[in-house]
């Protein structure tokens, strides 16, 4: 048999709903922190890299992902021809450009 006091104690359903939502608050806060510290800066850097690749033109000095310095001799749709030494021309994919080299 169930006593009256024991039966009345089980009626608090709204307190469980509030504590369930409160359990997600730390997860939401962690996601917001990760967004502003990791995701957003990475997206900004990727956008800057894309703009730099789109603005490449003949005569620009570049650095590839392999660390090779070169001068662009021709720009094609998705690739570049770069001169890495006198009369040595290499064709590379635009995505392999890391940065513009300073003169």
N, C-alpha and C. Protein backbone atom coordinates (compact mmCIF):
# COMPACT_ATOMS: atom_id res chain seq x y z
N UNK A 1 0.81 -1.18 0.00
CA UNK A 1 0.00 0.00 0.00
C UNK A 1 0.86 1.25 0.00
N UNK A 2 0.31 2.26 -0.62
CA UNK A 2 1.02 3.52 -0.73
C UNK A 2 0.38 4.50 0.23
N UNK A 3 1.20 5.15 1.01
CA UNK A 3 0.67 6.13 1.94
C UNK A 3 0.32 7.42 1.21
N UNK A 4 -0.52 8.22 1.83
CA UNK A 4 -0.95 9.48 1.22
C UNK A 4 0.23 10.43 1.06
N UNK A 5 1.11 10.51 2.00
CA UNK A 5 2.26 11.41 1.93
C UNK A 5 3.20 11.02 0.79
N UNK A 6 3.35 9.72 0.62
CA UNK A 6 4.23 9.24 -0.46
C UNK A 6 3.62 9.52 -1.83
N UNK A 7 2.32 9.39 -1.97
CA UNK A 7 1.63 9.65 -3.23
C UNK A 7 1.65 11.13 -3.57
N UNK A 8 1.56 12.01 -2.61
CA UNK A 8 1.55 13.45 -2.85
C UNK A 8 2.93 13.95 -3.24
N UNK A 9 3.98 13.30 -2.86
CA UNK A 9 5.33 13.75 -3.14
C UNK A 9 5.72 13.56 -4.60
N UNK A 10 5.01 12.73 -5.36
CA UNK A 10 5.37 12.45 -6.74
C UNK A 10 4.71 13.39 -7.74
N UNK A 11 4.04 14.40 -7.33
CA UNK A 11 3.30 15.27 -8.24
C UNK A 11 4.11 16.40 -8.85
N UNK A 12 5.39 16.57 -8.58
CA UNK A 12 6.17 17.73 -9.05
C UNK A 12 6.78 17.51 -10.42
N UNK A 13 6.00 17.50 -11.48
CA UNK A 13 6.51 17.29 -12.83
C UNK A 13 7.16 18.52 -13.43
N UNK A 14 6.80 19.72 -13.04
CA UNK A 14 7.36 20.93 -13.65
C UNK A 14 8.80 21.17 -13.20
N UNK A 15 9.16 20.74 -12.02
CA UNK A 15 10.53 20.93 -11.55
C UNK A 15 11.50 20.10 -12.38
N UNK A 16 11.08 18.92 -12.81
CA UNK A 16 11.95 18.09 -13.65
C UNK A 16 12.16 18.70 -15.03
N UNK A 17 11.15 19.34 -15.58
CA UNK A 17 11.28 19.97 -16.89
C UNK A 17 12.26 21.14 -16.82
N UNK A 18 12.22 21.91 -15.75
CA UNK A 18 13.15 23.03 -15.62
C UNK A 18 14.57 22.54 -15.41
N UNK A 19 14.75 21.50 -14.64
CA UNK A 19 16.10 21.00 -14.41
C UNK A 19 16.65 20.34 -15.67
N UNK A 20 15.79 19.80 -16.53
CA UNK A 20 16.23 19.22 -17.80
C UNK A 20 16.79 20.29 -18.73
N UNK A 21 16.12 21.44 -18.79
CA UNK A 21 16.62 22.55 -19.61
C UNK A 21 17.91 23.12 -19.03
N UNK A 22 17.97 23.18 -17.71
CA UNK A 22 19.15 23.72 -17.05
C UNK A 22 20.38 22.85 -17.32
N UNK A 23 20.18 21.59 -17.62
CA UNK A 23 21.31 20.71 -17.93
C UNK A 23 21.93 21.06 -19.28
N UNK A 24 21.15 21.67 -20.19
CA UNK A 24 21.66 22.02 -21.51
C UNK A 24 22.35 23.37 -21.55
N UNK A 25 22.17 24.19 -20.54
CA UNK A 25 22.77 25.53 -20.51
C UNK A 25 24.30 25.47 -20.62
N UNK A 26 25.00 24.61 -19.88
CA UNK A 26 26.46 24.55 -20.06
C UNK A 26 26.89 24.13 -21.47
N UNK A 27 26.12 23.24 -22.09
CA UNK A 27 26.44 22.84 -23.47
C UNK A 27 26.27 23.99 -24.44
N UNK A 28 25.23 24.77 -24.25
CA UNK A 28 24.99 25.93 -25.10
C UNK A 28 26.11 26.96 -24.93
N UNK A 29 26.50 27.20 -23.70
CA UNK A 29 27.58 28.15 -23.43
C UNK A 29 28.89 27.66 -24.05
N UNK A 30 29.18 26.37 -23.95
CA UNK A 30 30.41 25.82 -24.55
C UNK A 30 30.39 25.97 -26.07
N UNK A 31 29.23 25.74 -26.70
CA UNK A 31 29.14 25.90 -28.16
C UNK A 31 29.39 27.35 -28.56
N UNK A 32 28.85 28.29 -27.82
CA UNK A 32 29.06 29.71 -28.13
C UNK A 32 30.54 30.07 -28.01
N UNK A 33 31.19 29.56 -26.96
CA UNK A 33 32.62 29.83 -26.78
C UNK A 33 33.43 29.22 -27.93
N UNK A 34 33.13 27.97 -28.31
CA UNK A 34 33.84 27.34 -29.43
C UNK A 34 33.61 28.10 -30.72
N UNK A 35 32.39 28.60 -30.93
CA UNK A 35 32.11 29.35 -32.15
C UNK A 35 32.98 30.59 -32.25
N UNK A 36 33.06 31.36 -31.18
CA UNK A 36 33.82 32.61 -31.24
C UNK A 36 35.32 32.40 -31.16
N UNK A 37 35.80 31.31 -30.58
CA UNK A 37 37.24 31.09 -30.46
C UNK A 37 37.81 30.22 -31.57
N UNK A 38 37.02 29.33 -32.16
CA UNK A 38 37.55 28.40 -33.15
C UNK A 38 36.90 28.52 -34.52
N UNK A 39 35.61 28.41 -34.59
CA UNK A 39 34.92 28.32 -35.88
C UNK A 39 34.95 29.63 -36.64
N UNK A 40 34.59 30.72 -36.00
CA UNK A 40 34.52 32.03 -36.67
C UNK A 40 35.87 32.49 -37.20
N UNK A 41 36.97 32.43 -36.42
CA UNK A 41 38.27 32.83 -36.97
C UNK A 41 38.72 31.96 -38.14
N UNK A 42 38.40 30.66 -38.08
CA UNK A 42 38.79 29.77 -39.16
C UNK A 42 38.03 30.11 -40.45
N UNK A 43 36.75 30.44 -40.34
CA UNK A 43 35.98 30.85 -41.51
C UNK A 43 36.51 32.16 -42.09
N UNK A 44 36.91 33.08 -41.23
CA UNK A 44 37.44 34.36 -41.68
C UNK A 44 38.76 34.15 -42.43
N UNK A 45 39.62 33.29 -41.91
CA UNK A 45 40.90 33.02 -42.56
C UNK A 45 40.68 32.33 -43.91
N UNK A 46 39.73 31.41 -43.99
CA UNK A 46 39.44 30.73 -45.25
C UNK A 46 38.91 31.72 -46.29
N UNK A 47 38.09 32.67 -45.87
CA UNK A 47 37.56 33.68 -46.79
C UNK A 47 38.69 34.57 -47.31
N UNK A 48 39.61 34.97 -46.44
CA UNK A 48 40.75 35.79 -46.86
C UNK A 48 41.63 35.02 -47.84
N UNK A 49 41.85 33.73 -47.60
CA UNK A 49 42.67 32.91 -48.49
C UNK A 49 42.01 32.79 -49.86
N UNK A 50 40.69 32.60 -49.88
CA UNK A 50 39.96 32.50 -51.15
C UNK A 50 40.07 33.81 -51.94
N UNK A 51 39.93 34.94 -51.25
CA UNK A 51 40.05 36.24 -51.93
C UNK A 51 41.46 36.45 -52.47
N UNK A 52 42.48 36.01 -51.72
CA UNK A 52 43.86 36.14 -52.18
C UNK A 52 44.09 35.29 -53.43
N UNK A 53 43.56 34.09 -53.47
CA UNK A 53 43.74 33.21 -54.63
C UNK A 53 43.03 33.78 -55.85
N UNK A 54 41.84 34.35 -55.64
CA UNK A 54 41.10 34.93 -56.76
C UNK A 54 41.78 36.17 -57.33
N UNK A 55 42.58 36.86 -56.53
CA UNK A 55 43.22 38.09 -57.00
C UNK A 55 44.61 37.87 -57.59
N UNK A 56 45.06 36.63 -57.72
CA UNK A 56 46.38 36.36 -58.29
C UNK A 56 46.43 36.75 -59.76
N UNK A 57 47.56 37.30 -60.17
CA UNK A 57 47.74 37.71 -61.56
C UNK A 57 49.18 37.45 -61.99
N UNK A 58 49.42 37.54 -63.27
CA UNK A 58 50.74 37.30 -63.82
C UNK A 58 51.75 38.28 -63.23
N UNK A 59 52.90 37.74 -62.81
CA UNK A 59 53.96 38.56 -62.25
C UNK A 59 53.99 38.57 -60.73
N UNK A 60 52.95 38.05 -60.08
CA UNK A 60 52.93 38.00 -58.61
C UNK A 60 53.92 36.96 -58.10
N UNK A 61 54.58 37.28 -56.98
CA UNK A 61 55.47 36.32 -56.32
C UNK A 61 54.66 35.58 -55.26
N UNK A 62 54.77 34.25 -55.26
CA UNK A 62 53.96 33.44 -54.36
C UNK A 62 54.80 32.41 -53.62
N UNK A 63 54.19 31.80 -52.60
CA UNK A 63 54.79 30.69 -51.87
C UNK A 63 53.78 29.54 -51.92
N UNK A 64 54.24 28.34 -52.28
CA UNK A 64 53.36 27.18 -52.34
C UNK A 64 53.33 26.47 -50.99
N UNK A 65 52.45 25.48 -50.87
CA UNK A 65 52.36 24.71 -49.63
C UNK A 65 53.64 23.92 -49.37
N UNK A 66 54.37 23.62 -50.40
CA UNK A 66 55.65 22.90 -50.25
C UNK A 66 56.80 23.83 -49.90
N UNK A 67 56.54 25.13 -49.82
CA UNK A 67 57.58 26.08 -49.47
C UNK A 67 58.37 26.58 -50.66
N UNK A 68 57.88 26.36 -51.86
CA UNK A 68 58.58 26.79 -53.07
C UNK A 68 58.15 28.22 -53.42
N UNK A 69 59.14 29.07 -53.61
CA UNK A 69 58.89 30.44 -54.05
C UNK A 69 58.86 30.46 -55.57
N UNK A 70 57.98 31.27 -56.14
CA UNK A 70 57.92 31.35 -57.59
C UNK A 70 57.23 32.61 -58.04
N UNK A 71 57.31 32.85 -59.34
CA UNK A 71 56.66 33.99 -59.98
C UNK A 71 55.64 33.44 -60.96
N UNK A 72 54.43 33.95 -60.91
CA UNK A 72 53.36 33.47 -61.79
C UNK A 72 53.65 33.92 -63.22
N UNK A 73 53.64 32.95 -64.15
CA UNK A 73 53.85 33.27 -65.56
C UNK A 73 52.55 33.17 -66.35
N UNK A 74 51.59 32.37 -65.87
CA UNK A 74 50.30 32.24 -66.55
C UNK A 74 49.23 31.85 -65.54
N UNK A 75 48.04 32.39 -65.70
CA UNK A 75 46.91 32.07 -64.84
C UNK A 75 45.87 31.36 -65.68
N UNK A 76 45.50 30.16 -65.25
CA UNK A 76 44.46 29.40 -65.92
C UNK A 76 43.26 29.30 -65.00
N UNK A 77 42.23 28.57 -65.40
CA UNK A 77 40.99 28.52 -64.62
C UNK A 77 41.20 28.01 -63.20
N UNK A 78 41.84 26.86 -63.06
CA UNK A 78 42.03 26.30 -61.73
C UNK A 78 43.49 25.99 -61.41
N UNK A 79 44.39 26.47 -62.24
CA UNK A 79 45.81 26.22 -62.03
C UNK A 79 46.64 27.44 -62.41
N UNK A 80 47.90 27.39 -62.01
CA UNK A 80 48.85 28.46 -62.32
C UNK A 80 50.12 27.85 -62.89
N UNK A 81 50.79 28.58 -63.71
CA UNK A 81 52.13 28.20 -64.13
C UNK A 81 53.08 29.17 -63.45
N UNK A 82 54.02 28.61 -62.68
CA UNK A 82 54.96 29.46 -61.97
C UNK A 82 56.38 29.12 -62.38
N UNK A 83 57.20 30.14 -62.41
CA UNK A 83 58.62 29.96 -62.71
C UNK A 83 59.35 29.92 -61.38
N UNK A 84 59.97 28.75 -61.09
CA UNK A 84 60.65 28.59 -59.81
C UNK A 84 62.16 28.78 -59.93
N UNK A 85 62.68 28.71 -61.14
CA UNK A 85 64.08 29.00 -61.43
C UNK A 85 64.12 29.48 -62.87
N UNK A 86 65.27 29.91 -63.31
CA UNK A 86 65.38 30.42 -64.67
C UNK A 86 65.03 29.32 -65.67
N UNK A 87 63.97 29.55 -66.47
CA UNK A 87 63.46 28.64 -67.48
C UNK A 87 62.93 27.32 -66.91
N UNK A 88 62.55 27.31 -65.65
CA UNK A 88 61.91 26.13 -65.03
C UNK A 88 60.49 26.54 -64.64
N UNK A 89 59.52 26.05 -65.40
CA UNK A 89 58.13 26.43 -65.18
C UNK A 89 57.37 25.19 -64.71
N UNK A 90 56.60 25.38 -63.64
CA UNK A 90 55.83 24.30 -63.02
C UNK A 90 54.36 24.71 -63.01
N UNK A 91 53.50 23.72 -63.29
CA UNK A 91 52.06 23.98 -63.23
C UNK A 91 51.53 23.43 -61.90
N UNK A 92 50.82 24.29 -61.14
CA UNK A 92 50.28 23.87 -59.84
C UNK A 92 48.81 24.28 -59.73
N UNK A 93 48.11 23.65 -58.81
CA UNK A 93 46.71 23.98 -58.54
C UNK A 93 46.67 25.24 -57.68
N UNK A 94 45.69 26.10 -57.93
CA UNK A 94 45.58 27.36 -57.19
C UNK A 94 45.45 27.16 -55.69
N UNK A 95 44.83 26.08 -55.27
CA UNK A 95 44.63 25.83 -53.85
C UNK A 95 45.92 25.58 -53.09
N UNK A 96 47.01 25.31 -53.79
CA UNK A 96 48.29 25.05 -53.14
C UNK A 96 49.10 26.32 -52.89
N UNK A 97 48.52 27.46 -53.07
CA UNK A 97 49.20 28.72 -52.78
C UNK A 97 48.93 29.07 -51.32
N UNK A 98 50.01 29.32 -50.57
CA UNK A 98 49.86 29.66 -49.16
C UNK A 98 49.78 31.17 -48.97
N UNK A 99 50.69 31.90 -49.64
CA UNK A 99 50.75 33.34 -49.41
C UNK A 99 51.43 34.03 -50.57
N UNK A 100 51.31 35.34 -50.55
CA UNK A 100 52.04 36.16 -51.49
C UNK A 100 53.41 36.43 -50.87
N UNK A 101 54.45 36.31 -51.65
CA UNK A 101 55.81 36.55 -51.15
C UNK A 101 56.12 38.04 -51.24
N UNK A 102 56.85 38.53 -50.27
CA UNK A 102 57.28 39.93 -50.31
C UNK A 102 58.52 40.03 -51.19
N UNK A 103 58.65 41.15 -51.86
CA UNK A 103 59.77 41.30 -52.78
C UNK A 103 61.04 41.70 -52.10
